[in-house]
Amino acid sequence: MLSLIVLYTARAAECVAFYAALGLDFVPERHGTGPPHHAAVLPDGLVFEIYPASDGRGTGALRLGFTARAAGLAPGRHLLRDPDGRTVDVRVPDVGEG
């Protein structure tokens, strides 16, 4: 089972705002002397983290999919782009659908 996804980005604040708008609840974290970053724990326990890119470390092409009740999106499937240009496939369930 997948338990962790980490995005490395030069646009951390914009990415946090983008994914928070999809319903992810981020908290700021810092482990020891590591860089400050943001983490969200999804309902199934998956941890989704956004770290600042450094030393050429960036997350390149990646496609993510979420089921979310995102504010402002009608029920159905939506293909969005995050601030780094990654495709984000968002499925918004109909009212009453799990």
C-alpha atoms as a PDB file:
ATOM      1  CA  MET A   1       0.000   0.000   0.000  1.00  0.00           C
ATOM      2  CA  LEU A   2       1.300   3.439  -0.902  1.00  0.00           C
ATOM      3  CA  SER A   3       1.936   5.475   2.253  1.00  0.00           C
ATOM      4  CA  LEU A   4       3.884   8.592   1.191  1.00  0.00           C
ATOM      5  CA  ILE A   5       4.059  11.032  -1.712  1.00  0.00           C
ATOM      6  CA  VAL A   6       6.557  13.908  -1.600  1.00  0.00           C
ATOM      7  CA  LEU A   7       6.543  16.750  -4.131  1.00  0.00           C
ATOM      8  CA  TYR A   8       9.685  18.874  -4.367  1.00  0.00           C
ATOM      9  CA  THR A   9       8.953  22.293  -5.804  1.00  0.00           C
ATOM     10  CA  ALA A  10      10.320  25.814  -6.162  1.00  0.00           C
ATOM     11  CA  ARG A  11       6.711  26.991  -5.735  1.00  0.00           C
ATOM     12  CA  ALA A  12       5.928  25.450  -2.342  1.00  0.00           C
ATOM     13  CA  ALA A  13       3.513  28.128  -1.132  1.00  0.00           C
ATOM     14  CA  GLU A  14       1.544  28.083  -4.390  1.00  0.00           C
ATOM     15  CA  CYS A  15       1.411  24.274  -4.410  1.00  0.00           C
ATOM     16  CA  VAL A  16       0.216  24.172  -0.797  1.00  0.00           C
ATOM     17  CA  ALA A  17      -2.552  26.653  -1.683  1.00  0.00           C
ATOM     18  CA  PHE A  18      -3.513  24.669  -4.818  1.00  0.00           C
ATOM     19  CA  TYR A  19      -3.759  21.305  -3.047  1.00  0.00           C
ATOM     20  CA  ALA A  20      -5.421  22.849   0.026  1.00  0.00           C
ATOM     21  CA  ALA A  21      -8.150  24.139  -2.317  1.00  0.00           C
ATOM     22  CA  LEU A  22      -8.762  20.478  -3.250  1.00  0.00           C
ATOM     23  CA  GLY A  23      -9.435  19.709   0.399  1.00  0.00           C
ATOM     24  CA  LEU A  24      -6.030  18.644   1.729  1.00  0.00           C
ATOM     25  CA  ASP A  25      -5.416  19.920   5.244  1.00  0.00           C
ATOM     26  CA  PHE A  26      -1.726  20.813   5.513  1.00  0.00           C
ATOM     27  CA  VAL A  27       0.286  21.363   8.659  1.00  0.00           C
ATOM     28  CA  PRO A  28       3.784  22.863   8.692  1.00  0.00           C
ATOM     29  CA  GLU A  29       6.511  20.428   9.770  1.00  0.00           C
ATOM     30  CA  ARG A  30      10.244  20.281  10.235  1.00  0.00           C
ATOM     31  CA  HIS A  31      12.198  17.178  11.209  1.00  0.00           C
ATOM     32  CA  GLY A  32      15.455  17.929  13.011  1.00  0.00           C
ATOM     33  CA  THR A  33      17.644  20.118  10.823  1.00  0.00           C
ATOM     34  CA  GLY A  34      15.688  19.275   7.660  1.00  0.00           C
ATOM     35  CA  PRO A  35      13.846  21.914   5.647  1.00  0.00           C
ATOM     36  CA  PRO A  36      10.475  23.269   6.689  1.00  0.00           C
ATOM     37  CA  HIS A  37       7.717  21.646   4.630  1.00  0.00           C
ATOM     38  CA  HIS A  38       3.968  20.948   4.686  1.00  0.00           C
ATOM     39  CA  ALA A  39       2.217  17.617   5.210  1.00  0.00           C
ATOM     40  CA  ALA A  40      -1.359  16.412   4.853  1.00  0.00           C
ATOM     41  CA  VAL A  41      -2.664  13.025   5.948  1.00  0.00           C
ATOM     42  CA  LEU A  42      -5.404  11.712   3.666  1.00  0.00           C
ATOM     43  CA  PRO A  43      -8.322   9.643   5.021  1.00  0.00           C
ATOM     44  CA  ASP A  44      -6.672   6.345   4.026  1.00  0.00           C
ATOM     45  CA  GLY A  45      -3.486   7.286   5.931  1.00  0.00           C
ATOM     46  CA  LEU A  46      -1.422   8.351   2.900  1.00  0.00           C
ATOM     47  CA  VAL A  47       0.899  11.237   3.773  1.00  0.00           C
ATOM     48  CA  PHE A  48       1.208  13.904   1.062  1.00  0.00           C
ATOM     49  CA  GLU A  49       4.116  16.300   1.604  1.00  0.00           C
ATOM     50  CA  ILE A  50       5.337  19.394  -0.207  1.00  0.00           C
ATOM     51  CA  TYR A  51       9.031  20.200   0.227  1.00  0.00           C
ATOM     52  CA  PRO A  52      11.045  23.094  -1.179  1.00  0.00           C
ATOM     53  CA  ALA A  53      13.244  22.017  -4.100  1.00  0.00           C
ATOM     54  CA  SER A  54      16.977  22.277  -3.517  1.00  0.00           C
ATOM     55  CA  ASP A  55      20.178  21.257  -5.308  1.00  0.00           C
ATOM     56  CA  GLY A  56      18.307  20.449  -8.495  1.00  0.00           C
ATOM     57  CA  ARG A  57      15.891  18.234  -6.575  1.00  0.00           C
ATOM     58  CA  GLY A  58      12.490  18.846  -8.074  1.00  0.00           C
ATOM     59  CA  THR A  59       9.564  16.625  -8.856  1.00  0.00           C
ATOM     60  CA  GLY A  60       9.181  16.584 -12.604  1.00  0.00           C
ATOM     61  CA  ALA A  61       6.429  15.097 -14.692  1.00  0.00           C
ATOM     62  CA  LEU A  62       3.904  13.358 -12.486  1.00  0.00           C
ATOM     63  CA  ARG A  63       0.175  12.821 -12.734  1.00  0.00           C
ATOM     64  CA  LEU A  64      -1.855  12.723  -9.550  1.00  0.00           C
ATOM     65  CA  GLY A  65      -5.474  11.767  -9.021  1.00  0.00           C
ATOM     66  CA  PHE A  66      -7.751  12.745  -6.149  1.00  0.00           C
ATOM     67  CA  THR A  67     -11.356  12.262  -5.213  1.00  0.00           C
ATOM     68  CA  ALA A  68     -12.347  15.460  -3.482  1.00  0.00           C
ATOM     69  CA  ARG A  69     -15.201  17.751  -2.685  1.00  0.00           C
ATOM     70  CA  ALA A  70     -13.286  20.740  -3.968  1.00  0.00           C
ATOM     71  CA  ALA A  71     -14.799  24.160  -3.495  1.00  0.00           C
ATOM     72  CA  GLY A  72     -16.038  25.615  -6.738  1.00  0.00           C
ATOM     73  CA  LEU A  73     -15.893  22.384  -8.784  1.00  0.00           C
ATOM     74  CA  ALA A  74     -19.039  20.710 -10.059  1.00  0.00           C
ATOM     75  CA  PRO A  75     -19.487  16.956  -9.710  1.00  0.00           C
ATOM     76  CA  GLY A  76     -17.552  15.026 -12.342  1.00  0.00           C
ATOM     77  CA  ARG A  77     -13.991  14.711 -13.548  1.00  0.00           C
ATOM     78  CA  HIS A  78     -11.697  17.719 -13.880  1.00  0.00           C
ATOM     79  CA  LEU A  79      -8.168  17.825 -15.285  1.00  0.00           C
ATOM     80  CA  LEU A  80      -6.295  20.649 -13.591  1.00  0.00           C
ATOM     81  CA  ARG A  81      -2.677  21.814 -13.574  1.00  0.00           C
ATOM     82  CA  ASP A  82      -0.831  22.591 -10.357  1.00  0.00           C
ATOM     83  CA  PRO A  83       1.554  25.574 -10.150  1.00  0.00           C
ATOM     84  CA  ASP A  84       4.413  23.404 -11.510  1.00  0.00           C
ATOM     85  CA  GLY A  85       2.343  22.223 -14.492  1.00  0.00           C
ATOM     86  CA  ARG A  86       1.647  18.695 -13.217  1.00  0.00           C
ATOM     87  CA  THR A  87      -1.672  17.236 -14.333  1.00  0.00           C
ATOM     88  CA  VAL A  88      -4.023  16.688 -11.409  1.00  0.00           C
ATOM     89  CA  ASP A  89      -7.064  14.518 -12.158  1.00  0.00           C
ATOM     90  CA  VAL A  90      -9.831  15.488  -9.725  1.00  0.00           C
ATOM     91  CA  ARG A  91     -13.037  13.526  -9.384  1.00  0.00           C
ATOM     92  CA  VAL A  92     -15.785  15.343  -7.509  1.00  0.00           C
ATOM     93  CA  PRO A  93     -18.522  12.905  -6.447  1.00  0.00           C
ATOM     94  CA  ASP A  94     -22.207  13.679  -6.824  1.00  0.00           C
ATOM     95  CA  VAL A  95     -24.099  14.623  -3.669  1.00  0.00           C
ATOM     96  CA  GLY A  96     -24.846  11.454  -1.717  1.00  0.00           C
ATOM     97  CA  GLU A  97     -22.085   9.523  -3.503  1.00  0.00           C
ATOM     98  CA  GLY A  98     -19.239   8.215  -1.309  1.00  0.00           C
END
